[in-house]
Amino acid sequence: MGGCSNSIFENDTTITSIEILKFASASPSPEEYSEQEGEVISVIKSKEEIKRIINSIERAEQKSTESMNIALPNHLIIFKENENVILTLGYYPNISNENDEFLDLDKDKIYITNALNLIQK
């Protein structure tokens, strides 16, 4: 399986922006999380930056969350094609050893990438 990537988008999807949303609480409730009751703290529109983020996630190490009991992250990454939301991933910035983790609740997966520095400390 070496070298193959995991496409997180359909081939004909063009991501035009990525919004980074931060929840008020460190560990949002499932309701806050699903309703996306947070504040957009950043919007990425650079094609190069969007490509870098997508490539990192598609090449990431993956772990199943089916048997994990984890707190919901206090950030969301929202991938949009124009105004349409294509994908929403939970975001744990700089979790351990300079890695970021992205949570896909729909697929019961966590993607572990190098630190992408998507939020300012």
Protein backbone atom coordinates (compact mmCIF):
# COMPACT_ATOMS: atom_id res chain seq x y z
CA MET A 1 0.00 0.00 0.00
CA GLY A 2 3.06 2.25 0.08
CA GLY A 3 2.79 5.70 -1.41
CA CYS A 4 -0.90 5.75 -2.25
CA SER A 5 -2.89 8.64 -0.92
CA ASN A 6 -6.35 8.66 0.58
CA SER A 7 -8.47 11.08 -1.37
CA ILE A 8 -10.73 12.96 1.01
CA PHE A 9 -12.57 14.73 -1.82
CA GLU A 10 -14.28 13.73 -5.04
CA ASN A 11 -12.06 14.22 -8.10
CA ASP A 12 -14.20 17.03 -9.49
CA THR A 13 -14.29 18.99 -6.21
CA THR A 14 -12.37 22.26 -6.07
CA ILE A 15 -11.86 23.59 -2.57
CA THR A 16 -11.92 27.38 -2.78
CA SER A 17 -11.59 28.20 0.93
CA ILE A 18 -10.88 26.65 4.31
CA GLU A 19 -12.43 28.19 7.40
CA ILE A 20 -11.00 27.60 10.85
CA LEU A 21 -13.63 27.76 13.55
CA LYS A 22 -12.89 27.91 17.28
CA PHE A 23 -15.39 26.88 19.94
CA ALA A 24 -15.81 28.95 23.10
CA SER A 25 -15.17 25.97 25.36
CA ALA A 26 -12.06 23.79 25.34
CA SER A 27 -14.21 20.70 24.89
CA PRO A 28 -17.48 21.54 23.11
CA SER A 29 -20.65 19.54 23.67
CA PRO A 30 -21.84 17.30 20.82
CA GLU A 31 -24.60 19.86 20.16
CA GLU A 32 -22.17 22.81 19.92
CA TYR A 33 -19.93 20.69 17.71
CA SER A 34 -22.62 19.54 15.29
CA GLU A 35 -24.21 23.01 15.13
CA GLN A 36 -20.77 24.58 14.61
CA GLU A 37 -21.48 27.11 17.36
CA GLY A 38 -18.12 28.83 17.30
CA GLU A 39 -16.26 31.76 15.84
CA VAL A 40 -14.46 31.69 12.49
CA ILE A 41 -10.95 32.82 13.43
CA SER A 42 -9.30 32.41 10.03
CA VAL A 43 -10.15 31.88 6.36
CA ILE A 44 -7.58 30.43 3.98
CA LYS A 45 -8.07 31.27 0.30
CA SER A 46 -4.57 30.80 -1.11
CA LYS A 47 -4.63 27.95 -3.64
CA GLU A 48 -1.11 26.92 -2.62
CA GLU A 49 -1.99 26.83 1.09
CA ILE A 50 -5.22 24.90 0.44
CA LYS A 51 -3.28 22.37 -1.64
CA ARG A 52 -0.63 22.01 1.09
CA ILE A 53 -3.26 21.30 3.75
CA ILE A 54 -5.21 18.81 1.62
CA ASN A 55 -2.02 16.99 0.56
CA SER A 56 -0.90 16.71 4.19
CA ILE A 57 -4.23 15.23 5.28
CA GLU A 58 -4.41 12.85 2.32
CA ARG A 59 -0.89 11.56 3.11
CA ALA A 60 -1.50 11.41 6.86
CA GLU A 61 -1.26 8.41 9.12
CA GLN A 62 -4.79 7.23 9.88
CA LYS A 63 -6.23 5.66 13.01
CA SER A 64 -9.73 4.36 13.61
CA THR A 65 -11.70 6.13 16.34
CA GLU A 66 -14.32 3.38 16.67
CA SER A 67 -12.94 2.11 19.99
CA MET A 68 -11.58 5.46 21.22
CA ASN A 69 -13.21 7.66 23.82
CA ILE A 70 -11.95 11.12 22.88
CA ALA A 71 -12.98 14.66 23.69
CA LEU A 72 -14.28 16.67 20.76
CA PRO A 73 -11.68 19.16 19.51
CA ASN A 74 -12.15 22.87 20.14
CA HIS A 75 -11.43 23.74 16.48
CA LEU A 76 -13.13 22.80 13.22
CA ILE A 77 -11.66 22.97 9.74
CA ILE A 78 -14.40 23.62 7.18
CA PHE A 79 -13.55 22.90 3.54
CA LYS A 80 -15.73 24.83 1.09
CA GLU A 81 -16.28 24.89 -2.64
CA ASN A 82 -17.53 28.43 -3.13
CA GLU A 83 -20.20 28.67 -0.39
CA ASN A 84 -20.93 24.93 -0.19
CA VAL A 85 -19.50 23.00 2.74
CA ILE A 86 -17.76 19.92 1.32
CA LEU A 87 -16.10 18.49 4.42
CA THR A 88 -15.77 19.37 8.09
CA LEU A 89 -12.97 17.94 10.21
CA GLY A 90 -12.29 18.44 13.88
CA TYR A 91 -8.85 19.91 14.49
CA TYR A 92 -6.46 19.24 17.35
CA PRO A 93 -3.53 21.60 16.71
CA ASN A 94 -0.03 20.56 17.76
CA ILE A 95 -1.21 17.56 19.78
CA SER A 96 2.07 15.74 20.35
CA ASN A 97 5.57 15.70 18.94
CA GLU A 98 4.77 18.57 16.59
CA ASN A 99 1.82 16.71 15.05
CA ASP A 100 -1.69 17.91 14.27
CA GLU A 101 -4.70 15.61 14.32
CA PHE A 102 -7.86 15.92 12.25
CA LEU A 103 -11.03 14.09 13.31
CA ASP A 104 -13.48 12.78 10.72
CA LEU A 105 -16.58 11.72 12.69
CA ASP A 106 -18.37 10.48 9.55
CA LYS A 107 -15.59 8.00 8.74
CA ASP A 108 -14.53 7.27 12.36
CA LYS A 109 -10.96 8.26 11.54
CA ILE A 110 -8.22 10.50 12.86
CA TYR A 111 -5.63 11.80 10.41
CA ILE A 112 -2.23 12.57 11.97
CA THR A 113 -0.09 15.11 10.09
CA ASN A 114 3.01 17.13 10.74
CA ALA A 115 2.17 20.41 12.47
CA LEU A 116 0.52 22.62 9.84
CA ASN A 117 0.45 25.77 12.01
CA LEU A 118 -3.08 26.68 10.96
CA ILE A 119 -3.77 28.82 14.02
CA GLN A 120 -1.77 31.55 15.66
CA LYS A 121 -0.86 30.89 19.27
